[in-house]
Structure formats: C-alpha cells, structure tokens
Amino acid sequence: DIKKLKINYLKLEKKFHISLINNLKNDYIVKVYNSTQEMIS
C-alpha cells in the first residue's frame, strides 16, 4: 500500500534524523532543525 508505505517511511526518516539531533541536548537547535525540515517538506 503506497500511501501507508509513505507514511511509515516519513515517520522512520524523521525518527532516524531526530535520533542524531537529540544527542546535542539543545532545545533551540531542535526547534530550528524542525522548522527547517518543515519548510523542506
């Protein structure tokens, strides 16, 4: 199911990259990163 696959992939993609960003333990950077990602999306 392509629609379901896209949803599952986008969730995993976000989880993968956020798992990296969270290592910085910096809420401000996480906020900037999320905003940038949203504009890309």
PDB file of all heavy atoms in Angstrom:
ATOM      1  N   ASP A   1       0.867  -1.173   0.000  1.00  0.00           N
ATOM      2  CA  ASP A   1       0.000   0.000   0.000  1.00  0.00           C
ATOM      3  C   ASP A   1       0.913   1.234   0.000  1.00  0.00           C
ATOM      4  O   ASP A   1       1.559   1.535   1.000  1.00  0.00           O
ATOM      5  CB  ASP A   1      -0.884  -0.017   1.259  1.00  0.00           C
ATOM      6  CG  ASP A   1      -1.846   1.172   1.322  1.00  0.00           C
ATOM      7  OD1 ASP A   1      -1.495   2.247   0.800  1.00  0.00           O
ATOM      8  OD2 ASP A   1      -2.931   1.020   1.899  1.00  0.00           O
ATOM      9  N   ILE A   2       0.986   1.945  -1.145  1.00  0.00           N
ATOM     10  CA  ILE A   2       1.928   3.042  -1.320  1.00  0.00           C
ATOM     11  C   ILE A   2       1.703   4.164  -0.306  1.00  0.00           C
ATOM     12  O   ILE A   2       2.656   4.706   0.266  1.00  0.00           O
ATOM     13  CB  ILE A   2       1.855   3.625  -2.754  1.00  0.00           C
ATOM     14  CG1 ILE A   2       2.088   2.527  -3.789  1.00  0.00           C
ATOM     15  CG2 ILE A   2       2.878   4.744  -2.928  1.00  0.00           C
ATOM     16  CD1 ILE A   2       3.420   1.840  -3.679  1.00  0.00           C
ATOM     17  N   LYS A   3       0.437   4.494  -0.074  1.00  0.00           N
ATOM     18  CA  LYS A   3       0.131   5.575   0.864  1.00  0.00           C
ATOM     19  C   LYS A   3       0.627   5.226   2.267  1.00  0.00           C
ATOM     20  O   LYS A   3       1.245   6.052   2.948  1.00  0.00           O
ATOM     21  CB  LYS A   3      -1.377   5.836   0.888  1.00  0.00           C
ATOM     22  CG  LYS A   3      -1.770   7.054   1.716  1.00  0.00           C
ATOM     23  CD  LYS A   3      -3.262   7.326   1.615  1.00  0.00           C
ATOM     24  CE  LYS A   3      -3.653   8.545   2.437  1.00  0.00           C
ATOM     25  NZ  LYS A   3      -5.113   8.822   2.360  1.00  0.00           N
ATOM     26  N   LYS A   4       0.367   4.000   2.695  1.00  0.00           N
ATOM     27  CA  LYS A   4       0.803   3.552   4.022  1.00  0.00           C
ATOM     28  C   LYS A   4       2.331   3.501   4.091  1.00  0.00           C
ATOM     29  O   LYS A   4       2.935   3.865   5.106  1.00  0.00           O
ATOM     30  CB  LYS A   4       0.214   2.171   4.316  1.00  0.00           C
ATOM     31  CG  LYS A   4       0.502   1.665   5.721  1.00  0.00           C
ATOM     32  CD  LYS A   4      -0.169   0.330   5.965  1.00  0.00           C
ATOM     33  CE  LYS A   4       0.144  -0.190   7.359  1.00  0.00           C
ATOM     34  NZ  LYS A   4      -0.478  -1.523   7.590  1.00  0.00           N
ATOM     35  N   LEU A   5       2.960   3.049   2.999  1.00  0.00           N
ATOM     36  CA  LEU A   5       4.420   2.981   2.947  1.00  0.00           C
ATOM     37  C   LEU A   5       5.035   4.365   3.122  1.00  0.00           C
ATOM     38  O   LEU A   5       6.001   4.535   3.874  1.00  0.00           O
ATOM     39  CB  LEU A   5       4.873   2.375   1.607  1.00  0.00           C
ATOM     40  CG  LEU A   5       6.385   2.407   1.329  1.00  0.00           C
ATOM     41  CD1 LEU A   5       7.143   1.572   2.348  1.00  0.00           C
ATOM     42  CD2 LEU A   5       6.672   1.913  -0.092  1.00  0.00           C
ATOM     43  N   LYS A   6       4.482   5.366   2.426  1.00  0.00           N
ATOM     44  CA  LYS A   6       4.997   6.730   2.520  1.00  0.00           C
ATOM     45  C   LYS A   6       4.906   7.254   3.950  1.00  0.00           C
ATOM     46  O   LYS A   6       5.848   7.863   4.467  1.00  0.00           O
ATOM     47  CB  LYS A   6       4.232   7.652   1.577  1.00  0.00           C
ATOM     48  CG  LYS A   6       4.558   7.450   0.105  1.00  0.00           C
ATOM     49  CD  LYS A   6       3.746   8.409  -0.755  1.00  0.00           C
ATOM     50  CE  LYS A   6       4.061   8.231  -2.232  1.00  0.00           C
ATOM     51  NZ  LYS A   6       3.267   9.138  -3.083  1.00  0.00           N
ATOM     52  N   ILE A   7       3.757   6.999   4.588  1.00  0.00           N
ATOM     53  CA  ILE A   7       3.555   7.457   5.972  1.00  0.00           C
ATOM     54  C   ILE A   7       4.587   6.811   6.902  1.00  0.00           C
ATOM     55  O   ILE A   7       5.229   7.477   7.712  1.00  0.00           O
ATOM     56  CB  ILE A   7       2.124   7.149   6.449  1.00  0.00           C
ATOM     57  CG1 ILE A   7       1.112   8.023   5.692  1.00  0.00           C
ATOM     58  CG2 ILE A   7       1.991   7.371   7.955  1.00  0.00           C
ATOM     59  CD1 ILE A   7      -0.334   7.632   5.900  1.00  0.00           C
ATOM     60  N   ASN A   8       4.750   5.482   6.763  1.00  0.00           N
ATOM     61  CA  ASN A   8       5.698   4.751   7.615  1.00  0.00           C
ATOM     62  C   ASN A   8       7.138   5.184   7.362  1.00  0.00           C
ATOM     63  O   ASN A   8       7.936   5.316   8.296  1.00  0.00           O
ATOM     64  CB  ASN A   8       5.561   3.246   7.386  1.00  0.00           C
ATOM     65  CG  ASN A   8       4.256   2.692   7.929  1.00  0.00           C
ATOM     66  OD1 ASN A   8       3.655   3.280   8.827  1.00  0.00           O
ATOM     67  ND2 ASN A   8       3.806   1.585   7.391  1.00  0.00           N
ATOM     68  N   TYR A   9       7.461   5.432   6.086  1.00  0.00           N
ATOM     69  CA  TYR A   9       8.814   5.865   5.754  1.00  0.00           C
ATOM     70  C   TYR A   9       9.114   7.245   6.341  1.00  0.00           C
ATOM     71  O   TYR A   9      10.176   7.463   6.931  1.00  0.00           O
ATOM     72  CB  TYR A   9       9.034   5.891   4.242  1.00  0.00           C
ATOM     73  CG  TYR A   9      10.269   6.669   3.865  1.00  0.00           C
ATOM     74  CD1 TYR A   9      11.538   6.156   4.134  1.00  0.00           C
ATOM     75  CD2 TYR A   9      10.169   7.943   3.308  1.00  0.00           C
ATOM     76  CE1 TYR A   9      12.678   6.893   3.850  1.00  0.00           C
ATOM     77  CE2 TYR A   9      11.304   8.680   3.023  1.00  0.00           C
ATOM     78  CZ  TYR A   9      12.557   8.155   3.287  1.00  0.00           C
ATOM     79  OH  TYR A   9      13.672   8.893   3.018  1.00  0.00           O
ATOM     80  N   LEU A  10       8.179   8.186   6.157  1.00  0.00           N
ATOM     81  CA  LEU A  10       8.405   9.552   6.647  1.00  0.00           C
ATOM     82  C   LEU A  10       8.561   9.578   8.170  1.00  0.00           C
ATOM     83  O   LEU A  10       9.350  10.352   8.706  1.00  0.00           O
ATOM     84  CB  LEU A  10       7.265  10.478   6.194  1.00  0.00           C
ATOM     85  CG  LEU A  10       7.242  10.771   4.680  1.00  0.00           C
ATOM     86  CD1 LEU A  10       5.969  11.516   4.302  1.00  0.00           C
ATOM     87  CD2 LEU A  10       8.473  11.576   4.268  1.00  0.00           C
ATOM     88  N   LYS A  11       7.811   8.711   8.853  1.00  0.00           N
ATOM     89  CA  LYS A  11       7.946   8.605  10.311  1.00  0.00           C
ATOM     90  C   LYS A  11       9.337   8.095  10.671  1.00  0.00           C
ATOM     91  O   LYS A  11       9.989   8.603  11.589  1.00  0.00           O
ATOM     92  CB  LYS A  11       6.883   7.655  10.878  1.00  0.00           C
ATOM     93  CG  LYS A  11       5.490   8.250  10.967  1.00  0.00           C
ATOM     94  CD  LYS A  11       4.531   7.235  11.563  1.00  0.00           C
ATOM     95  CE  LYS A  11       3.108   7.789  11.656  1.00  0.00           C
ATOM     96  NZ  LYS A  11       2.160   6.764  12.169  1.00  0.00           N
ATOM     97  N   LEU A  12       9.798   7.063   9.936  1.00  0.00           N
ATOM     98  CA  LEU A  12      11.107   6.476  10.229  1.00  0.00           C
ATOM     99  C   LEU A  12      12.235   7.437   9.865  1.00  0.00           C
ATOM    100  O   LEU A  12      13.221   7.548  10.594  1.00  0.00           O
ATOM    101  CB  LEU A  12      11.277   5.155   9.467  1.00  0.00           C
ATOM    102  CG  LEU A  12      12.564   4.380   9.745  1.00  0.00           C
ATOM    103  CD1 LEU A  12      12.698   4.065  11.240  1.00  0.00           C
ATOM    104  CD2 LEU A  12      12.606   3.098   8.919  1.00  0.00           C
ATOM    105  N   GLU A  13      12.083   8.133   8.752  1.00  0.00           N
ATOM    106  CA  GLU A  13      13.094   9.112   8.346  1.00  0.00           C
ATOM    107  C   GLU A  13      13.253  10.185   9.429  1.00  0.00           C
ATOM    108  O   GLU A  13      14.371  10.533   9.820  1.00  0.00           O
ATOM    109  CB  GLU A  13      12.717   9.767   7.020  1.00  0.00           C
ATOM    110  CG  GLU A  13      13.781  10.753   6.527  1.00  0.00           C
ATOM    111  CD  GLU A  13      13.310  11.612   5.369  1.00  0.00           C
ATOM    112  OE1 GLU A  13      12.160  12.078   5.404  1.00  0.00           O
ATOM    113  OE2 GLU A  13      14.107  11.831   4.467  1.00  0.00           O
ATOM    114  N   LYS A  14      12.110  10.687   9.911  1.00  0.00           N
ATOM    115  CA  LYS A  14      12.153  11.699  10.959  1.00  0.00           C
ATOM    116  C   LYS A  14      12.803  11.143  12.229  1.00  0.00           C
ATOM    117  O   LYS A  14      13.643  11.801  12.849  1.00  0.00           O
ATOM    118  CB  LYS A  14      10.734  12.193  11.267  1.00  0.00           C
ATOM    119  CG  LYS A  14      10.696  13.302  12.303  1.00  0.00           C
ATOM    120  CD  LYS A  14       9.283  13.829  12.502  1.00  0.00           C
ATOM    121  CE  LYS A  14       9.255  14.963  13.516  1.00  0.00           C
ATOM    122  NZ  LYS A  14       7.891  15.497  13.715  1.00  0.00           N
ATOM    123  N   LYS A  15      12.437   9.929  12.599  1.00  0.00           N
ATOM    124  CA  LYS A  15      12.985   9.301  13.802  1.00  0.00           C
ATOM    125  C   LYS A  15      14.496   9.125  13.687  1.00  0.00           C
ATOM    126  O   LYS A  15      15.238   9.373  14.650  1.00  0.00           O
ATOM    127  CB  LYS A  15      12.314   7.938  14.031  1.00  0.00           C
ATOM    128  CG  LYS A  15      12.756   7.247  15.313  1.00  0.00           C
ATOM    129  CD  LYS A  15      11.981   5.956  15.528  1.00  0.00           C
ATOM    130  CE  LYS A  15      12.391   5.287  16.826  1.00  0.00           C
ATOM    131  NZ  LYS A  15      11.621   4.035  17.061  1.00  0.00           N
ATOM    132  N   PHE A  16      14.958   8.718  12.512  1.00  0.00           N
ATOM    133  CA  PHE A  16      16.388   8.496  12.293  1.00  0.00           C
ATOM    134  C   PHE A  16      17.175   9.792  12.490  1.00  0.00           C
ATOM    135  O   PHE A  16      18.166   9.832  13.232  1.00  0.00           O
ATOM    136  CB  PHE A  16      16.622   7.949  10.883  1.00  0.00           C
ATOM    137  CG  PHE A  16      18.076   7.858  10.501  1.00  0.00           C
ATOM    138  CD1 PHE A  16      18.883   6.854  11.007  1.00  0.00           C
ATOM    139  CD2 PHE A  16      18.640   8.787   9.635  1.00  0.00           C
ATOM    140  CE1 PHE A  16      20.226   6.767  10.661  1.00  0.00           C
ATOM    141  CE2 PHE A  16      19.975   8.720   9.281  1.00  0.00           C
ATOM    142  CZ  PHE A  16      20.778   7.702   9.798  1.00  0.00           C
ATOM    143  N   HIS A  17      16.741  10.845  11.823  1.00  0.00           N
ATOM    144  CA  HIS A  17      17.491  12.103  11.891  1.00  0.00           C
ATOM    145  C   HIS A  17      17.347  12.784  13.254  1.00  0.00           C
ATOM    146  O   HIS A  17      18.308  13.360  13.760  1.00  0.00           O
ATOM    147  CB  HIS A  17      17.067  13.035  10.754  1.00  0.00           C
ATOM    148  CG  HIS A  17      17.540  12.567   9.412  1.00  0.00           C
ATOM    149  ND1 HIS A  17      18.824  12.744   8.976  1.00  0.00           N
ATOM    150  CD2 HIS A  17      16.905  11.894   8.416  1.00  0.00           C
ATOM    151  CE1 HIS A  17      18.964  12.222   7.773  1.00  0.00           C
ATOM    152  NE2 HIS A  17      17.818  11.705   7.410  1.00  0.00           N
ATOM    153  N   ILE A  18      16.164  12.701  13.842  1.00  0.00           N
ATOM    154  CA  ILE A  18      15.970  13.297  15.172  1.00  0.00           C
ATOM    155  C   ILE A  18      16.791  12.548  16.224  1.00  0.00           C
ATOM    156  O   ILE A  18      17.259  13.144  17.203  1.00  0.00           O
ATOM    157  CB  ILE A  18      14.475  13.324  15.554  1.00  0.00           C
ATOM    158  CG1 ILE A  18      13.744  14.383  14.734  1.00  0.00           C
ATOM    159  CG2 ILE A  18      14.285  13.608  17.026  1.00  0.00           C
ATOM    160  CD1 ILE A  18      14.203  15.819  14.991  1.00  0.00           C
ATOM    161  N   SER A  19      17.003  11.242  16.024  1.00  0.00           N
ATOM    162  CA  SER A  19      17.834  10.479  16.968  1.00  0.00           C
ATOM    163  C   SER A  19      19.257  11.036  16.992  1.00  0.00           C
ATOM    164  O   SER A  19      19.949  10.982  18.019  1.00  0.00           O
ATOM    165  CB  SER A  19      17.858   8.990  16.601  1.00  0.00           C
ATOM    166  OG  SER A  19      18.664   8.750  15.469  1.00  0.00           O
ATOM    167  N   LEU A  20      19.697  11.580  15.853  1.00  0.00           N
ATOM    168  CA  LEU A  20      21.004  12.241  15.813  1.00  0.00           C
ATOM    169  C   LEU A  20      20.942  13.595  16.526  1.00  0.00           C
ATOM    170  O   LEU A  20      21.767  13.891  17.394  1.00  0.00           O
ATOM    171  CB  LEU A  20      21.443  12.458  14.360  1.00  0.00           C
ATOM    172  CG  LEU A  20      21.687  11.232  13.481  1.00  0.00           C
ATOM    173  CD1 LEU A  20      22.056  11.671  12.073  1.00  0.00           C
ATOM    174  CD2 LEU A  20      22.785  10.354  14.067  1.00  0.00           C
ATOM    175  N   ILE A  21      19.941  14.402  16.139  1.00  0.00           N
ATOM    176  CA  ILE A  21      19.835  15.773  16.661  1.00  0.00           C
ATOM    177  C   ILE A  21      19.683  15.793  18.179  1.00  0.00           C
ATOM    178  O   ILE A  21      20.236  16.665  18.854  1.00  0.00           O
ATOM    179  CB  ILE A  21      18.639  16.514  16.011  1.00  0.00           C
ATOM    180  CG1 ILE A  21      18.740  16.475  14.491  1.00  0.00           C
ATOM    181  CG2 ILE A  21      18.562  17.954  16.506  1.00  0.00           C
ATOM    182  CD1 ILE A  21      20.021  17.015  13.926  1.00  0.00           C
ATOM    183  N   ASN A  22      18.955  14.838  18.723  1.00  0.00           N
ATOM    184  CA  ASN A  22      18.717  14.812  20.171  1.00  0.00           C
ATOM    185  C   ASN A  22      19.998  14.644  20.976  1.00  0.00           C
ATOM    186  O   ASN A  22      20.038  14.966  22.164  1.00  0.00           O
ATOM    187  CB  ASN A  22      17.729  13.697  20.527  1.00  0.00           C
ATOM    188  CG  ASN A  22      16.302  14.063  20.158  1.00  0.00           C
ATOM    189  OD1 ASN A  22      15.979  15.232  19.969  1.00  0.00           O
ATOM    190  ND2 ASN A  22      15.437  13.073  20.053  1.00  0.00           N
ATOM    191  N   ASN A  23      21.056  14.139  20.320  1.00  0.00           N
ATOM    192  CA  ASN A  23      22.332  13.976  21.019  1.00  0.00           C
ATOM    193  C   ASN A  23      22.939  15.308  21.438  1.00  0.00           C
ATOM    194  O   ASN A  23      23.782  15.368  22.331  1.00  0.00           O
ATOM    195  CB  ASN A  23      23.336  13.227  20.127  1.00  0.00           C
ATOM    196  CG  ASN A  23      22.941  11.777  19.916  1.00  0.00           C
ATOM    197  OD1 ASN A  23      22.661  11.077  20.874  1.00  0.00           O
ATOM    198  ND2 ASN A  23      22.903  11.343  18.686  1.00  0.00           N
ATOM    199  N   LEU A  24      22.525  16.378  20.769  1.00  0.00           N
ATOM    200  CA  LEU A  24      23.064  17.700  21.097  1.00  0.00           C
ATOM    201  C   LEU A  24      22.490  18.247  22.402  1.00  0.00           C
ATOM    202  O   LEU A  24      23.053  19.166  22.995  1.00  0.00           O
ATOM    203  CB  LEU A  24      22.786  18.679  19.953  1.00  0.00           C
ATOM    204  CG  LEU A  24      23.493  18.365  18.629  1.00  0.00           C
ATOM    205  CD1 LEU A  24      22.975  19.281  17.526  1.00  0.00           C
ATOM    206  CD2 LEU A  24      25.005  18.515  18.780  1.00  0.00           C
ATOM    207  N   LYS A  25      21.322  17.694  22.794  1.00  0.00           N
ATOM    208  CA  LYS A  25      20.657  18.137  24.033  1.00  0.00           C
ATOM    209  C   LYS A  25      20.488  19.658  24.049  1.00  0.00           C
ATOM    210  O   LYS A  25      20.798  20.333  25.036  1.00  0.00           O
ATOM    211  CB  LYS A  25      21.422  17.664  25.267  1.00  0.00           C
ATOM    212  CG  LYS A  25      21.585  16.157  25.348  1.00  0.00           C
ATOM    213  CD  LYS A  25      22.215  15.723  26.635  1.00  0.00           C
ATOM    214  CE  LYS A  25      22.526  14.234  26.655  1.00  0.00           C
ATOM    215  NZ  LYS A  25      21.377  13.385  26.359  1.00  0.00           N
ATOM    216  N   ASN A  26      20.010  20.176  22.909  1.00  0.00           N
ATOM    217  CA  ASN A  26      19.854  21.624  22.745  1.00  0.00           C
ATOM    218  C   ASN A  26      18.482  21.892  22.140  1.00  0.00           C
ATOM    219  O   ASN A  26      18.275  21.677  20.937  1.00  0.00           O
ATOM    220  CB  ASN A  26      20.975  22.160  21.842  1.00  0.00           C
ATOM    221  CG  ASN A  26      20.980  23.668  21.743  1.00  0.00           C
ATOM    222  OD1 ASN A  26      19.943  24.304  21.584  1.00  0.00           O
ATOM    223  ND2 ASN A  26      22.168  24.259  21.800  1.00  0.00           N
ATOM    224  N   ASP A  27      17.551  22.338  22.968  1.00  0.00           N
ATOM    225  CA  ASP A  27      16.173  22.547  22.513  1.00  0.00           C
ATOM    226  C   ASP A  27      16.077  23.590  21.408  1.00  0.00           C
ATOM    227  O   ASP A  27      15.229  23.487  20.520  1.00  0.00           O
ATOM    228  CB  ASP A  27      15.284  22.970  23.694  1.00  0.00           C
ATOM    229  CG  ASP A  27      15.093  21.852  24.697  1.00  0.00           C
ATOM    230  OD1 ASP A  27      15.307  20.685  24.326  1.00  0.00           O
ATOM    231  OD2 ASP A  27      14.736  22.143  25.855  1.00  0.00           O
ATOM    232  N   TYR A  28      16.947  24.592  21.468  1.00  0.00           N
ATOM    233  CA  TYR A  28      16.912  25.645  20.451  1.00  0.00           C
ATOM    234  C   TYR A  28      17.289  25.073  19.075  1.00  0.00           C
ATOM    235  O   TYR A  28      16.633  25.365  18.076  1.00  0.00           O
ATOM    236  CB  TYR A  28      17.866  26.781  20.818  1.00  0.00           C
ATOM    237  CG  TYR A  28      17.880  27.894  19.799  1.00  0.00           C
ATOM    238  CD1 TYR A  28      16.825  28.797  19.702  1.00  0.00           C
ATOM    239  CD2 TYR A  28      18.942  28.028  18.901  1.00  0.00           C
ATOM    240  CE1 TYR A  28      16.827  29.810  18.748  1.00  0.00           C
ATOM    241  CE2 TYR A  28      18.951  29.034  17.947  1.00  0.00           C
ATOM    242  CZ  TYR A  28      17.886  29.920  17.879  1.00  0.00           C
ATOM    243  OH  TYR A  28      17.890  30.907  16.931  1.00  0.00           O
ATOM    244  N   ILE A  29      18.337  24.257  19.046  1.00  0.00           N
ATOM    245  CA  ILE A  29      18.759  23.651  17.774  1.00  0.00           C
ATOM    246  C   ILE A  29      17.675  22.722  17.239  1.00  0.00           C
ATOM    247  O   ILE A  29      17.390  22.708  16.037  1.00  0.00           O
ATOM    248  CB  ILE A  29      20.091  22.889  17.947  1.00  0.00           C
ATOM    249  CG1 ILE A  29      21.231  23.887  18.159  1.00  0.00           C
ATOM    250  CG2 ILE A  29      20.382  22.013  16.725  1.00  0.00           C
ATOM    251  CD1 ILE A  29      22.585  23.266  18.400  1.00  0.00           C
ATOM    252  N   VAL A  30      17.048  21.949  18.128  1.00  0.00           N
ATOM    253  CA  VAL A  30      15.967  21.053  17.703  1.00  0.00           C
ATOM    254  C   VAL A  30      14.833  21.856  17.071  1.00  0.00           C
ATOM    255  O   VAL A  30      14.278  21.464  16.037  1.00  0.00           O
ATOM    256  CB  VAL A  30      15.433  20.228  18.902  1.00  0.00           C
ATOM    257  CG1 VAL A  30      14.160  19.465  18.512  1.00  0.00           C
ATOM    258  CG2 VAL A  30      16.496  19.244  19.378  1.00  0.00           C
ATOM    259  N   LYS A  31      14.512  22.992  17.670  1.00  0.00           N
ATOM    260  CA  LYS A  31      13.444  23.847  17.152  1.00  0.00           C
ATOM    261  C   LYS A  31      13.789  24.385  15.764  1.00  0.00           C
ATOM    262  O   LYS A  31      12.961  24.359  14.842  1.00  0.00           O
ATOM    263  CB  LYS A  31      13.200  25.011  18.121  1.00  0.00           C
ATOM    264  CG  LYS A  31      12.007  25.884  17.771  1.00  0.00           C
ATOM    265  CD  LYS A  31      11.807  26.955  18.829  1.00  0.00           C
ATOM    266  CE  LYS A  31      10.622  27.863  18.481  1.00  0.00           C
ATOM    267  NZ  LYS A  31      10.423  28.914  19.500  1.00  0.00           N
ATOM    268  N   VAL A  32      15.023  24.869  15.596  1.00  0.00           N
ATOM    269  CA  VAL A  32      15.480  25.390  14.299  1.00  0.00           C
ATOM    270  C   VAL A  32      15.487  24.275  13.259  1.00  0.00           C
ATOM    271  O   VAL A  32      15.057  24.469  12.117  1.00  0.00           O
ATOM    272  CB  VAL A  32      16.893  26.016  14.420  1.00  0.00           C
ATOM    273  CG1 VAL A  32      17.467  26.333  13.048  1.00  0.00           C
ATOM    274  CG2 VAL A  32      16.833  27.272  15.279  1.00  0.00           C
ATOM    275  N   TYR A  33      15.970  23.107  13.672  1.00  0.00           N
ATOM    276  CA  TYR A  33      16.042  21.956  12.754  1.00  0.00           C
ATOM    277  C   TYR A  33      14.646  21.547  12.289  1.00  0.00           C
ATOM    278  O   TYR A  33      14.410  21.333  11.092  1.00  0.00           O
ATOM    279  CB  TYR A  33      16.723  20.781  13.454  1.00  0.00           C
ATOM    280  CG  TYR A  33      16.844  19.554  12.572  1.00  0.00           C
ATOM    281  CD1 TYR A  33      17.922  19.412  11.703  1.00  0.00           C
ATOM    282  CD2 TYR A  33      15.882  18.547  12.600  1.00  0.00           C
ATOM    283  CE1 TYR A  33      18.037  18.296  10.883  1.00  0.00           C
ATOM    284  CE2 TYR A  33      15.989  17.440  11.774  1.00  0.00           C
ATOM    285  CZ  TYR A  33      17.065  17.312  10.923  1.00  0.00           C
ATOM    286  OH  TYR A  33      17.165  16.214  10.112  1.00  0.00           O
ATOM    287  N   ASN A  34      13.711  21.447  13.227  1.00  0.00           N
ATOM    288  CA  ASN A  34      12.347  21.051  12.886  1.00  0.00           C
ATOM    289  C   ASN A  34      11.685  22.054  11.943  1.00  0.00           C
ATOM    290  O   ASN A  34      10.968  21.677  11.011  1.00  0.00           O
ATOM    291  CB  ASN A  34      11.500  20.882  14.148  1.00  0.00           C
ATOM    292  CG  ASN A  34      11.831  19.607  14.897  1.00  0.00           C
ATOM    293  OD1 ASN A  34      12.335  18.647  14.322  1.00  0.00           O
ATOM    294  ND2 ASN A  34      11.554  19.575  16.189  1.00  0.00           N
ATOM    295  N   SER A  35      11.939  23.341  12.182  1.00  0.00           N
ATOM    296  CA  SER A  35      11.382  24.382  11.325  1.00  0.00           C
ATOM    297  C   SER A  35      11.937  24.274   9.904  1.00  0.00           C
ATOM    298  O   SER A  35      11.208  24.412   8.918  1.00  0.00           O
ATOM    299  CB  SER A  35      11.704  25.762  11.915  1.00  0.00           C
ATOM    300  OG  SER A  35      11.211  26.790  11.090  1.00  0.00           O
ATOM    301  N   THR A  36      13.245  23.997   9.816  1.00  0.00           N
ATOM    302  CA  THR A  36      13.886  23.841   8.500  1.00  0.00           C
ATOM    303  C   THR A  36      13.322  22.636   7.767  1.00  0.00           C
ATOM    304  O   THR A  36      13.017  22.699   6.566  1.00  0.00           O
ATOM    305  CB  THR A  36      15.422  23.678   8.669  1.00  0.00           C
ATOM    306  OG1 THR A  36      15.935  24.806   9.362  1.00  0.00           O
ATOM    307  CG2 THR A  36      16.107  23.544   7.321  1.00  0.00           C
ATOM    308  N   GLN A  37      13.159  21.540   8.495  1.00  0.00           N
ATOM    309  CA  GLN A  37      12.616  20.323   7.891  1.00  0.00           C
ATOM    310  C   GLN A  37      11.189  20.524   7.405  1.00  0.00           C
ATOM    311  O   GLN A  37      10.788  20.008   6.363  1.00  0.00           O
ATOM    312  CB  GLN A  37      12.641  19.172   8.903  1.00  0.00           C
ATOM    313  CG  GLN A  37      13.858  18.289   8.789  1.00  0.00           C
ATOM    314  CD  GLN A  37      14.029  17.703   7.414  1.00  0.00           C
ATOM    315  OE1 GLN A  37      14.756  18.232   6.573  1.00  0.00           O
ATOM    316  NE2 GLN A  37      13.362  16.619   7.121  1.00  0.00           N
ATOM    317  N   GLU A  38      10.411  21.285   8.166  1.00  0.00           N
ATOM    318  CA  GLU A  38       9.023  21.544   7.778  1.00  0.00           C
ATOM    319  C   GLU A  38       8.969  22.348   6.488  1.00  0.00           C
ATOM    320  O   GLU A  38       8.140  22.071   5.609  1.00  0.00           O
ATOM    321  CB  GLU A  38       8.299  22.289   8.900  1.00  0.00           C
ATOM    322  CG  GLU A  38       6.802  22.383   8.675  1.00  0.00           C
ATOM    323  CD  GLU A  38       6.076  22.892   9.897  1.00  0.00           C
ATOM    324  OE1 GLU A  38       6.568  23.832  10.549  1.00  0.00           O
ATOM    325  OE2 GLU A  38       5.003  22.350  10.216  1.00  0.00           O
ATOM    326  N   MET A  39       9.864  23.317   6.346  1.00  0.00           N
ATOM    327  CA  MET A  39       9.885  24.113   5.114  1.00  0.00           C
ATOM    328  C   MET A  39      10.289  23.245   3.926  1.00  0.00           C
ATOM    329  O   MET A  39       9.749  23.387   2.825  1.00  0.00           O
ATOM    330  CB  MET A  39      10.836  25.299   5.254  1.00  0.00           C
ATOM    331  CG  MET A  39      10.809  26.226   4.048  1.00  0.00           C
ATOM    332  SD  MET A  39      11.624  27.810   4.336  1.00  0.00           S
ATOM    333  CE  MET A  39      10.311  28.723   5.156  1.00  0.00           C
ATOM    334  N   ILE A  40      11.231  22.323   4.135  1.00  0.00           N
ATOM    335  CA  ILE A  40      11.624  21.397   3.067  1.00  0.00           C
ATOM    336  C   ILE A  40      10.433  20.542   2.656  1.00  0.00           C
ATOM    337  O   ILE A  40      10.159  20.358   1.470  1.00  0.00           O
ATOM    338  CB  ILE A  40      12.797  20.497   3.525  1.00  0.00           C
ATOM    339  CG1 ILE A  40      14.080  21.317   3.658  1.00  0.00           C
ATOM    340  CG2 ILE A  40      13.009  19.349   2.538  1.00  0.00           C
ATOM    341  CD1 ILE A  40      15.229  20.562   4.288  1.00  0.00           C
ATOM    342  N   SER A  41       9.682  20.030   3.652  1.00  0.00           N
ATOM    343  CA  SER A  41       8.527  19.173   3.374  1.00  0.00           C
ATOM    344  C   SER A  41       7.455  19.927   2.599  1.00  0.00           C
ATOM    345  O   SER A  41       6.886  19.393   1.636  1.00  0.00           O
ATOM    346  CB  SER A  41       7.929  18.645   4.687  1.00  0.00           C
ATOM    347  OG  SER A  41       8.857  17.846   5.369  1.00  0.00           O
TER     348      SER A  41
END
